[in-house]
Amino acid sequence: MSNRVKVEIYGQSYTLGGDLDEAYVQKLARYVDEKMIAVAEATQTVDSVRVAVLAAMAIADELHSRQQDTGHRDDALRERAQQCLTILERALKQTA
């Protein structure tokens, strides 16, 4: 089932098709629009293609940073779980 959602990004209207929820697609479009506006203001760039590429790079940086943060948290949780397992194994050996 494919639905069509009309969004506006950086002054341009787009009709997107897909299976995603309309509210979610609108939320994504607002995020991209806000990012493009912020990039345009920060760089004083009027070329919409350049603004789009710079906004995409900024969004990619956010994603990559969050993935790294998640990876570090996963590593810390894995290490803590291993420590707990070691403590539990020692306790079980002492009671055996």
PDB file of N, CA and C in Angstrom:
ATOM      1  N   MET A   1       0.838  -1.176   0.000  1.00  0.00           N
ATOM      2  CA  MET A   1       0.000   0.000   0.000  1.00  0.00           C
ATOM      3  C   MET A   1       0.887   1.245   0.000  1.00  0.00           C
ATOM      4  N   SER A   2       0.793   2.050  -1.007  1.00  0.00           N
ATOM      5  CA  SER A   2       1.613   3.241  -1.139  1.00  0.00           C
ATOM      6  C   SER A   2       0.729   4.480  -1.049  1.00  0.00           C
ATOM      7  N   ASN A   3       1.108   5.380  -0.166  1.00  0.00           N
ATOM      8  CA  ASN A   3       0.360   6.631  -0.081  1.00  0.00           C
ATOM      9  C   ASN A   3       1.241   7.771  -0.564  1.00  0.00           C
ATOM     10  N   ARG A   4       0.629   8.871  -0.893  1.00  0.00           N
ATOM     11  CA  ARG A   4       1.354  10.022  -1.407  1.00  0.00           C
ATOM     12  C   ARG A   4       1.219  11.158  -0.395  1.00  0.00           C
ATOM     13  N   VAL A   5       2.354  11.777  -0.105  1.00  0.00           N
ATOM     14  CA  VAL A   5       2.394  12.859   0.874  1.00  0.00           C
ATOM     15  C   VAL A   5       3.046  14.065   0.210  1.00  0.00           C
ATOM     16  N   LYS A   6       2.390  15.202   0.314  1.00  0.00           N
ATOM     17  CA  LYS A   6       2.944  16.437  -0.225  1.00  0.00           C
ATOM     18  C   LYS A   6       3.663  17.173   0.897  1.00  0.00           C
ATOM     19  N   VAL A   7       4.925  17.519   0.652  1.00  0.00           N
ATOM     20  CA  VAL A   7       5.732  18.235   1.642  1.00  0.00           C
ATOM     21  C   VAL A   7       6.363  19.448   0.983  1.00  0.00           C
ATOM     22  N   GLU A   8       6.807  20.376   1.816  1.00  0.00           N
ATOM     23  CA  GLU A   8       7.535  21.527   1.310  1.00  0.00           C
ATOM     24  C   GLU A   8       8.874  21.602   2.010  1.00  0.00           C
ATOM     25  N   ILE A   9       9.917  21.662   1.200  1.00  0.00           N
ATOM     26  CA  ILE A   9      11.276  21.744   1.724  1.00  0.00           C
ATOM     27  C   ILE A   9      12.002  22.871   1.002  1.00  0.00           C
ATOM     28  N   TYR A  10      12.448  23.832   1.761  1.00  0.00           N
ATOM     29  CA  TYR A  10      13.230  24.958   1.253  1.00  0.00           C
ATOM     30  C   TYR A  10      12.518  25.650   0.098  1.00  0.00           C
ATOM     31  N   GLY A  11      11.224  25.862   0.285  1.00  0.00           N
ATOM     32  CA  GLY A  11      10.426  26.598  -0.685  1.00  0.00           C
ATOM     33  C   GLY A  11       9.974  25.801  -1.898  1.00  0.00           C
ATOM     34  N   GLN A  12      10.254  24.523  -1.924  1.00  0.00           N
ATOM     35  CA  GLN A  12       9.863  23.678  -3.043  1.00  0.00           C
ATOM     36  C   GLN A  12       8.880  22.612  -2.556  1.00  0.00           C
ATOM     37  N   SER A  13       7.866  22.338  -3.352  1.00  0.00           N
ATOM     38  CA  SER A  13       6.895  21.297  -3.011  1.00  0.00           C
ATOM     39  C   SER A  13       7.319  19.973  -3.645  1.00  0.00           C
ATOM     40  N   TYR A  14       7.161  18.925  -2.881  1.00  0.00           N
ATOM     41  CA  TYR A  14       7.483  17.579  -3.348  1.00  0.00           C
ATOM     42  C   TYR A  14       6.343  16.654  -2.967  1.00  0.00           C
ATOM     43  N   THR A  15       6.010  15.740  -3.850  1.00  0.00           N
ATOM     44  CA  THR A  15       5.045  14.701  -3.534  1.00  0.00           C
ATOM     45  C   THR A  15       5.821  13.400  -3.417  1.00  0.00           C
ATOM     46  N   LEU A  16       5.765  12.813  -2.229  1.00  0.00           N
ATOM     47  CA  LEU A  16       6.518  11.598  -1.951  1.00  0.00           C
ATOM     48  C   LEU A  16       5.566  10.418  -1.843  1.00  0.00           C
ATOM     49  N   GLY A  17       5.951   9.312  -2.398  1.00  0.00           N
ATOM     50  CA  GLY A  17       5.154   8.098  -2.297  1.00  0.00           C
ATOM     51  C   GLY A  17       5.887   7.077  -1.450  1.00  0.00           C
ATOM     52  N   GLY A  18       5.124   6.284  -0.743  1.00  0.00           N
ATOM     53  CA  GLY A  18       5.742   5.248   0.079  1.00  0.00           C
ATOM     54  C   GLY A  18       4.787   4.716   1.116  1.00  0.00           C
ATOM     55  N   ASP A  19       5.309   3.872   1.969  1.00  0.00           N
ATOM     56  CA  ASP A  19       4.499   3.227   2.991  1.00  0.00           C
ATOM     57  C   ASP A  19       4.633   3.878   4.362  1.00  0.00           C
ATOM     58  N   LEU A  20       5.388   4.969   4.444  1.00  0.00           N
ATOM     59  CA  LEU A  20       5.578   5.623   5.733  1.00  0.00           C
ATOM     60  C   LEU A  20       4.359   6.444   6.126  1.00  0.00           C
ATOM     61  N   ASP A  21       4.181   6.597   7.410  1.00  0.00           N
ATOM     62  CA  ASP A  21       3.101   7.393   7.973  1.00  0.00           C
ATOM     63  C   ASP A  21       3.245   8.857   7.545  1.00  0.00           C
ATOM     64  N   GLU A  22       2.144   9.473   7.166  1.00  0.00           N
ATOM     65  CA  GLU A  22       2.174  10.856   6.678  1.00  0.00           C
ATOM     66  C   GLU A  22       2.763  11.808   7.706  1.00  0.00           C
ATOM     67  N   ALA A  23       2.396  11.664   8.957  1.00  0.00           N
ATOM     68  CA  ALA A  23       2.908  12.554  10.005  1.00  0.00           C
ATOM     69  C   ALA A  23       4.423  12.414  10.131  1.00  0.00           C
ATOM     70  N   TYR A  24       4.913  11.201   9.994  1.00  0.00           N
ATOM     71  CA  TYR A  24       6.356  10.952  10.073  1.00  0.00           C
ATOM     72  C   TYR A  24       7.077  11.604   8.891  1.00  0.00           C
ATOM     73  N   VAL A  25       6.521  11.472   7.695  1.00  0.00           N
ATOM     74  CA  VAL A  25       7.112  12.073   6.502  1.00  0.00           C
ATOM     75  C   VAL A  25       7.131  13.597   6.649  1.00  0.00           C
ATOM     76  N   GLN A  26       6.049  14.170   7.165  1.00  0.00           N
ATOM     77  CA  GLN A  26       5.993  15.615   7.387  1.00  0.00           C
ATOM     78  C   GLN A  26       7.064  16.045   8.397  1.00  0.00           C
ATOM     79  N   LYS A  27       7.243  15.247   9.433  1.00  0.00           N
ATOM     80  CA  LYS A  27       8.254  15.546  10.453  1.00  0.00           C
ATOM     81  C   LYS A  27       9.650  15.534   9.833  1.00  0.00           C
ATOM     82  N   LEU A  28       9.926  14.535   9.006  1.00  0.00           N
ATOM     83  CA  LEU A  28      11.222  14.468   8.338  1.00  0.00           C
ATOM     84  C   LEU A  28      11.430  15.666   7.422  1.00  0.00           C
ATOM     85  N   ALA A  29      10.395  16.021   6.679  1.00  0.00           N
ATOM     86  CA  ALA A  29      10.480  17.159   5.760  1.00  0.00           C
ATOM     87  C   ALA A  29      10.754  18.455   6.527  1.00  0.00           C
ATOM     88  N   ARG A  30      10.084  18.635   7.659  1.00  0.00           N
ATOM     89  CA  ARG A  30      10.325  19.833   8.479  1.00  0.00           C
ATOM     90  C   ARG A  30      11.772  19.874   8.963  1.00  0.00           C
ATOM     91  N   TYR A  31      12.277  18.717   9.351  1.00  0.00           N
ATOM     92  CA  TYR A  31      13.655  18.641   9.839  1.00  0.00           C
ATOM     93  C   TYR A  31      14.641  19.037   8.737  1.00  0.00           C
ATOM     94  N   VAL A  32      14.458  18.481   7.545  1.00  0.00           N
ATOM     95  CA  VAL A  32      15.326  18.810   6.417  1.00  0.00           C
ATOM     96  C   VAL A  32      15.195  20.289   6.059  1.00  0.00           C
ATOM     97  N   ASP A  33      13.974  20.800   6.046  1.00  0.00           N
ATOM     98  CA  ASP A  33      13.733  22.208   5.752  1.00  0.00           C
ATOM     99  C   ASP A  33      14.464  23.092   6.753  1.00  0.00           C
ATOM    100  N   GLU A  34      14.325  22.787   8.039  1.00  0.00           N
ATOM    101  CA  GLU A  34      14.984  23.575   9.079  1.00  0.00           C
ATOM    102  C   GLU A  34      16.504  23.523   8.934  1.00  0.00           C
ATOM    103  N   LYS A  35      17.014  22.352   8.603  1.00  0.00           N
ATOM    104  CA  LYS A  35      18.457  22.195   8.444  1.00  0.00           C
ATOM    105  C   LYS A  35      18.950  23.014   7.251  1.00  0.00           C
ATOM    106  N   MET A  36      18.196  22.982   6.148  1.00  0.00           N
ATOM    107  CA  MET A  36      18.598  23.749   4.967  1.00  0.00           C
ATOM    108  C   MET A  36      18.556  25.244   5.241  1.00  0.00           C
ATOM    109  N   ILE A  37      17.534  25.697   5.943  1.00  0.00           N
ATOM    110  CA  ILE A  37      17.429  27.116   6.281  1.00  0.00           C
ATOM    111  C   ILE A  37      18.606  27.528   7.168  1.00  0.00           C
ATOM    112  N   ALA A  38      18.936  26.707   8.145  1.00  0.00           N
ATOM    113  CA  ALA A  38      20.051  27.014   9.040  1.00  0.00           C
ATOM    114  C   ALA A  38      21.373  27.072   8.275  1.00  0.00           C
ATOM    115  N   VAL A  39      21.580  26.132   7.359  1.00  0.00           N
ATOM    116  CA  VAL A  39      22.806  26.121   6.559  1.00  0.00           C
ATOM    117  C   VAL A  39      22.870  27.360   5.675  1.00  0.00           C
ATOM    118  N   ALA A  40      21.754  27.694   5.037  1.00  0.00           N
ATOM    119  CA  ALA A  40      21.723  28.871   4.156  1.00  0.00           C
ATOM    120  C   ALA A  40      22.045  30.139   4.932  1.00  0.00           C
ATOM    121  N   GLU A  41      21.479  30.251   6.135  1.00  0.00           N
ATOM    122  CA  GLU A  41      21.736  31.439   6.950  1.00  0.00           C
ATOM    123  C   GLU A  41      23.183  31.480   7.423  1.00  0.00           C
ATOM    124  N   ALA A  42      23.713  30.338   7.811  1.00  0.00           N
ATOM    125  CA  ALA A  42      25.080  30.281   8.341  1.00  0.00           C
ATOM    126  C   ALA A  42      26.129  30.531   7.263  1.00  0.00           C
ATOM    127  N   THR A  43      25.848  30.081   6.059  1.00  0.00           N
ATOM    128  CA  THR A  43      26.849  30.192   4.986  1.00  0.00           C
ATOM    129  C   THR A  43      26.576  31.330   4.027  1.00  0.00           C
ATOM    130  N   GLN A  44      25.408  31.968   4.166  1.00  0.00           N
ATOM    131  CA  GLN A  44      25.002  33.030   3.238  1.00  0.00           C
ATOM    132  C   GLN A  44      24.986  32.516   1.796  1.00  0.00           C
ATOM    133  N   THR A  45      24.660  31.236   1.637  1.00  0.00           N
ATOM    134  CA  THR A  45      24.609  30.602   0.319  1.00  0.00           C
ATOM    135  C   THR A  45      23.189  30.671  -0.217  1.00  0.00           C
ATOM    136  N   VAL A  46      23.062  31.039  -1.484  1.00  0.00           N
ATOM    137  CA  VAL A  46      21.738  31.093  -2.109  1.00  0.00           C
ATOM    138  C   VAL A  46      21.524  29.941  -3.085  1.00  0.00           C
ATOM    139  N   ASP A  47      22.583  29.253  -3.469  1.00  0.00           N
ATOM    140  CA  ASP A  47      22.477  28.124  -4.393  1.00  0.00           C
ATOM    141  C   ASP A  47      21.819  26.952  -3.663  1.00  0.00           C
ATOM    142  N   SER A  48      20.604  26.592  -4.070  1.00  0.00           N
ATOM    143  CA  SER A  48      19.850  25.568  -3.343  1.00  0.00           C
ATOM    144  C   SER A  48      20.513  24.195  -3.402  1.00  0.00           C
ATOM    145  N   VAL A  49      21.212  23.889  -4.478  1.00  0.00           N
ATOM    146  CA  VAL A  49      21.910  22.598  -4.553  1.00  0.00           C
ATOM    147  C   VAL A  49      23.042  22.558  -3.538  1.00  0.00           C
ATOM    148  N   ARG A  50      23.784  23.630  -3.454  1.00  0.00           N
ATOM    149  CA  ARG A  50      24.874  23.704  -2.472  1.00  0.00           C
ATOM    150  C   ARG A  50      24.312  23.628  -1.050  1.00  0.00           C
ATOM    151  N   VAL A  51      23.233  24.337  -0.795  1.00  0.00           N
ATOM    152  CA  VAL A  51      22.590  24.293   0.519  1.00  0.00           C
ATOM    153  C   VAL A  51      22.151  22.861   0.832  1.00  0.00           C
ATOM    154  N   ALA A  52      21.574  22.182  -0.143  1.00  0.00           N
ATOM    155  CA  ALA A  52      21.105  20.806   0.068  1.00  0.00           C
ATOM    156  C   ALA A  52      22.264  19.879   0.394  1.00  0.00           C
ATOM    157  N   VAL A  53      23.385  20.030  -0.324  1.00  0.00           N
ATOM    158  CA  VAL A  53      24.548  19.170  -0.065  1.00  0.00           C
ATOM    159  C   VAL A  53      25.116  19.448   1.318  1.00  0.00           C
ATOM    160  N   LEU A  54      25.238  20.700   1.678  1.00  0.00           N
ATOM    161  CA  LEU A  54      25.763  21.039   3.004  1.00  0.00           C
ATOM    162  C   LEU A  54      24.820  20.565   4.108  1.00  0.00           C
ATOM    163  N   ALA A  55      23.523  20.682   3.894  1.00  0.00           N
ATOM    164  CA  ALA A  55      22.553  20.191   4.877  1.00  0.00           C
ATOM    165  C   ALA A  55      22.651  18.669   4.996  1.00  0.00           C
ATOM    166  N   ALA A  56      22.802  17.992   3.858  1.00  0.00           N
ATOM    167  CA  ALA A  56      22.949  16.535   3.885  1.00  0.00           C
ATOM    168  C   ALA A  56      24.199  16.133   4.655  1.00  0.00           C
ATOM    169  N   MET A  57      25.284  16.875   4.474  1.00  0.00           N
ATOM    170  CA  MET A  57      26.514  16.584   5.219  1.00  0.00           C
ATOM    171  C   MET A  57      26.304  16.801   6.725  1.00  0.00           C
ATOM    172  N   ALA A  58      25.597  17.853   7.081  1.00  0.00           N
ATOM    173  CA  ALA A  58      25.329  18.122   8.496  1.00  0.00           C
ATOM    174  C   ALA A  58      24.470  17.009   9.096  1.00  0.00           C
ATOM    175  N   ILE A  59      23.461  16.562   8.365  1.00  0.00           N
ATOM    176  CA  ILE A  59      22.594  15.479   8.844  1.00  0.00           C
ATOM    177  C   ILE A  59      23.382  14.179   8.935  1.00  0.00           C
ATOM    178  N   ALA A  60      24.241  13.913   7.943  1.00  0.00           N
ATOM    179  CA  ALA A  60      25.073  12.709   7.975  1.00  0.00           C
ATOM    180  C   ALA A  60      26.018  12.732   9.175  1.00  0.00           C
ATOM    181  N   ASP A  61      26.550  13.913   9.492  1.00  0.00           N
ATOM    182  CA  ASP A  61      27.421  14.057  10.659  1.00  0.00           C
ATOM    183  C   ASP A  61      26.660  13.750  11.944  1.00  0.00           C
ATOM    184  N   GLU A  62      25.431  14.261  12.050  1.00  0.00           N
ATOM    185  CA  GLU A  62      24.601  13.975  13.226  1.00  0.00           C
ATOM    186  C   GLU A  62      24.371  12.473  13.367  1.00  0.00           C
ATOM    187  N   LEU A  63      24.014  11.826  12.262  1.00  0.00           N
ATOM    188  CA  LEU A  63      23.756  10.389  12.279  1.00  0.00           C
ATOM    189  C   LEU A  63      25.003   9.621  12.682  1.00  0.00           C
ATOM    190  N   HIS A  64      26.129   9.951  12.075  1.00  0.00           N
ATOM    191  CA  HIS A  64      27.373   9.245  12.365  1.00  0.00           C
ATOM    192  C   HIS A  64      27.765   9.427  13.836  1.00  0.00           C
ATOM    193  N   SER A  65      27.632  10.644  14.349  1.00  0.00           N
ATOM    194  CA  SER A  65      27.961  10.907  15.757  1.00  0.00           C
ATOM    195  C   SER A  65      27.076  10.090  16.690  1.00  0.00           C
ATOM    196  N   ARG A  66      25.783  10.018  16.379  1.00  0.00           N
ATOM    197  CA  ARG A  66      24.872   9.240  17.220  1.00  0.00           C
ATOM    198  C   ARG A  66      25.178   7.754  17.143  1.00  0.00           C
ATOM    199  N   GLN A  67      25.552   7.281  15.957  1.00  0.00           N
ATOM    200  CA  GLN A  67      25.912   5.867  15.821  1.00  0.00           C
ATOM    201  C   GLN A  67      27.166   5.562  16.631  1.00  0.00           C
ATOM    202  N   GLN A  68      28.129   6.475  16.622  1.00  0.00           N
ATOM    203  CA  GLN A  68      29.336   6.274  17.417  1.00  0.00           C
ATOM    204  C   GLN A  68      29.006   6.270  18.900  1.00  0.00           C
ATOM    205  N   ASP A  69      28.161   7.216  19.331  1.00  0.00           N
ATOM    206  CA  ASP A  69      27.756   7.271  20.739  1.00  0.00           C
ATOM    207  C   ASP A  69      27.080   5.969  21.146  1.00  0.00           C
ATOM    208  N   THR A  70      26.191   5.479  20.290  1.00  0.00           N
ATOM    209  CA  THR A  70      25.494   4.220  20.568  1.00  0.00           C
ATOM    210  C   THR A  70      26.480   3.074  20.653  1.00  0.00           C
ATOM    211  N   GLY A  71      27.447   3.058  19.753  1.00  0.00           N
ATOM    212  CA  GLY A  71      28.466   2.011  19.761  1.00  0.00           C
ATOM    213  C   GLY A  71      29.273   2.029  21.041  1.00  0.00           C
ATOM    214  N   HIS A  72      29.637   3.223  21.510  1.00  0.00           N
ATOM    215  CA  HIS A  72      30.394   3.335  22.764  1.00  0.00           C
ATOM    216  C   HIS A  72      29.558   2.865  23.949  1.00  0.00           C
ATOM    217  N   ARG A  73      28.264   3.221  23.943  1.00  0.00           N
ATOM    218  CA  ARG A  73      27.386   2.763  25.020  1.00  0.00           C
ATOM    219  C   ARG A  73      27.240   1.243  24.982  1.00  0.00           C
ATOM    220  N   ASP A  74      27.111   0.686  23.783  1.00  0.00           N
ATOM    221  CA  ASP A  74      27.003  -0.758  23.644  1.00  0.00           C
ATOM    222  C   ASP A  74      28.255  -1.445  24.180  1.00  0.00           C
ATOM    223  N   ASP A  75      29.425  -0.883  23.856  1.00  0.00           N
ATOM    224  CA  ASP A  75      30.682  -1.450  24.340  1.00  0.00           C
ATOM    225  C   ASP A  75      30.743  -1.397  25.866  1.00  0.00           C
ATOM    226  N   ALA A  76      30.329  -0.275  26.448  1.00  0.00           N
ATOM    227  CA  ALA A  76      30.346  -0.128  27.904  1.00  0.00           C
ATOM    228  C   ALA A  76      29.370  -1.106  28.561  1.00  0.00           C
ATOM    229  N   LEU A  77      28.185  -1.267  27.964  1.00  0.00           N
ATOM    230  CA  LEU A  77      27.207  -2.217  28.506  1.00  0.00           C
ATOM    231  C   LEU A  77      27.718  -3.651  28.413  1.00  0.00           C
ATOM    232  N   ARG A  78      28.346  -3.963  27.291  1.00  0.00           N
ATOM    233  CA  ARG A  78      28.906  -5.306  27.100  1.00  0.00           C
ATOM    234  C   ARG A  78      29.978  -5.589  28.149  1.00  0.00           C
ATOM    235  N   GLU A  79      30.834  -4.596  28.395  1.00  0.00           N
ATOM    236  CA  GLU A  79      31.900  -4.751  29.389  1.00  0.00           C
ATOM    237  C   GLU A  79      31.311  -4.919  30.790  1.00  0.00           C
ATOM    238  N   ARG A  80      30.305  -4.119  31.105  1.00  0.00           N
ATOM    239  CA  ARG A  80      29.666  -4.217  32.429  1.00  0.00           C
ATOM    240  C   ARG A  80      28.967  -5.562  32.592  1.00  0.00           C
ATOM    241  N   ALA A  81      28.319  -6.044  31.544  1.00  0.00           N
ATOM    242  CA  ALA A  81      27.659  -7.355  31.597  1.00  0.00           C
ATOM    243  C   ALA A  81      28.691  -8.453  31.834  1.00  0.00           C
ATOM    244  N   GLN A  82      29.852  -8.341  31.187  1.00  0.00           N
ATOM    245  CA  GLN A  82      30.905  -9.335  31.385  1.00  0.00           C
ATOM    246  C   GLN A  82      31.411  -9.303  32.825  1.00  0.00           C
ATOM    247  N   GLN A  83      31.542  -8.098  33.383  1.00  0.00           N
ATOM    248  CA  GLN A  83      31.970  -7.982  34.780  1.00  0.00           C
ATOM    249  C   GLN A  83      30.946  -8.630  35.711  1.00  0.00           C
ATOM    250  N   CYS A  84      29.669  -8.386  35.451  1.00  0.00           N
ATOM    251  CA  CYS A  84      28.612  -8.982  36.273  1.00  0.00           C
ATOM    252  C   CYS A  84      28.627 -10.499  36.157  1.00  0.00           C
ATOM    253  N   LEU A  85      28.826 -10.996  34.958  1.00  0.00           N
ATOM    254  CA  LEU A  85      28.891 -12.442  34.749  1.00  0.00           C
ATOM    255  C   LEU A  85      30.059 -13.050  35.508  1.00  0.00           C
ATOM    256  N   THR A  86      31.200 -12.383  35.503  1.00  0.00           N
ATOM    257  CA  THR A  86      32.377 -12.864  36.233  1.00  0.00           C
ATOM    258  C   THR A  86      32.093 -12.911  37.733  1.00  0.00           C
ATOM    259  N   ILE A  87      31.481 -11.860  38.253  1.00  0.00           N
ATOM    260  CA  ILE A  87      31.135 -11.825  39.682  1.00  0.00           C
ATOM    261  C   ILE A  87      30.160 -12.942  40.014  1.00  0.00           C
ATOM    262  N   LEU A  88      29.151 -13.139  39.173  1.00  0.00           N
ATOM    263  CA  LEU A  88      28.160 -14.194  39.385  1.00  0.00           C
ATOM    264  C   LEU A  88      28.804 -15.576  39.347  1.00  0.00           C
ATOM    265  N   GLU A  89      29.699 -15.798  38.406  1.00  0.00           N
ATOM    266  CA  GLU A  89      30.381 -17.096  38.302  1.00  0.00           C
ATOM    267  C   GLU A  89      31.214 -17.364  39.547  1.00  0.00           C
ATOM    268  N   ARG A  90      31.905 -16.346  40.050  1.00  0.00           N
ATOM    269  CA  ARG A  90      32.693 -16.492  41.278  1.00  0.00           C
ATOM    270  C   ARG A  90      31.795 -16.826  42.462  1.00  0.00           C
ATOM    271  N   ALA A  91      30.656 -16.119  42.552  1.00  0.00           N
ATOM    272  CA  ALA A  91      29.732 -16.373  43.656  1.00  0.00           C
ATOM    273  C   ALA A  91      29.176 -17.787  43.573  1.00  0.00           C
ATOM    274  N   LEU A  92      28.854 -18.262  42.386  1.00  0.00           N
ATOM    275  CA  LEU A  92      28.315 -19.617  42.227  1.00  0.00           C
ATOM    276  C   LEU A  92      29.368 -20.667  42.589  1.00  0.00           C
ATOM    277  N   LYS A  93      30.611 -20.416  42.251  1.00  0.00           N
ATOM    278  CA  LYS A  93      31.692 -21.362  42.597  1.00  0.00           C
ATOM    279  C   LYS A  93      31.881 -21.441  44.104  1.00  0.00           C
ATOM    280  N   GLN A  94      31.726 -20.309  44.786  1.00  0.00           N
ATOM    281  CA  GLN A  94      31.920 -20.287  46.241  1.00  0.00           C
ATOM    282  C   GLN A  94      30.790 -21.019  46.949  1.00  0.00           C
ATOM    283  N   THR A  95      29.592 -21.026  46.370  1.00  0.00           N
ATOM    284  CA  THR A  95      28.466 -21.697  47.028  1.00  0.00           C
ATOM    285  C   THR A  95      28.380 -23.165  46.661  1.00  0.00           C
ATOM    286  N   ALA A  96      29.148 -23.592  45.675  1.00  0.00           N
ATOM    287  CA  ALA A  96      29.071 -24.983  45.229  1.00  0.00           C
ATOM    288  C   ALA A  96      29.830 -25.913  46.137  1.00  0.00           C
TER     289      ALA A  96
END
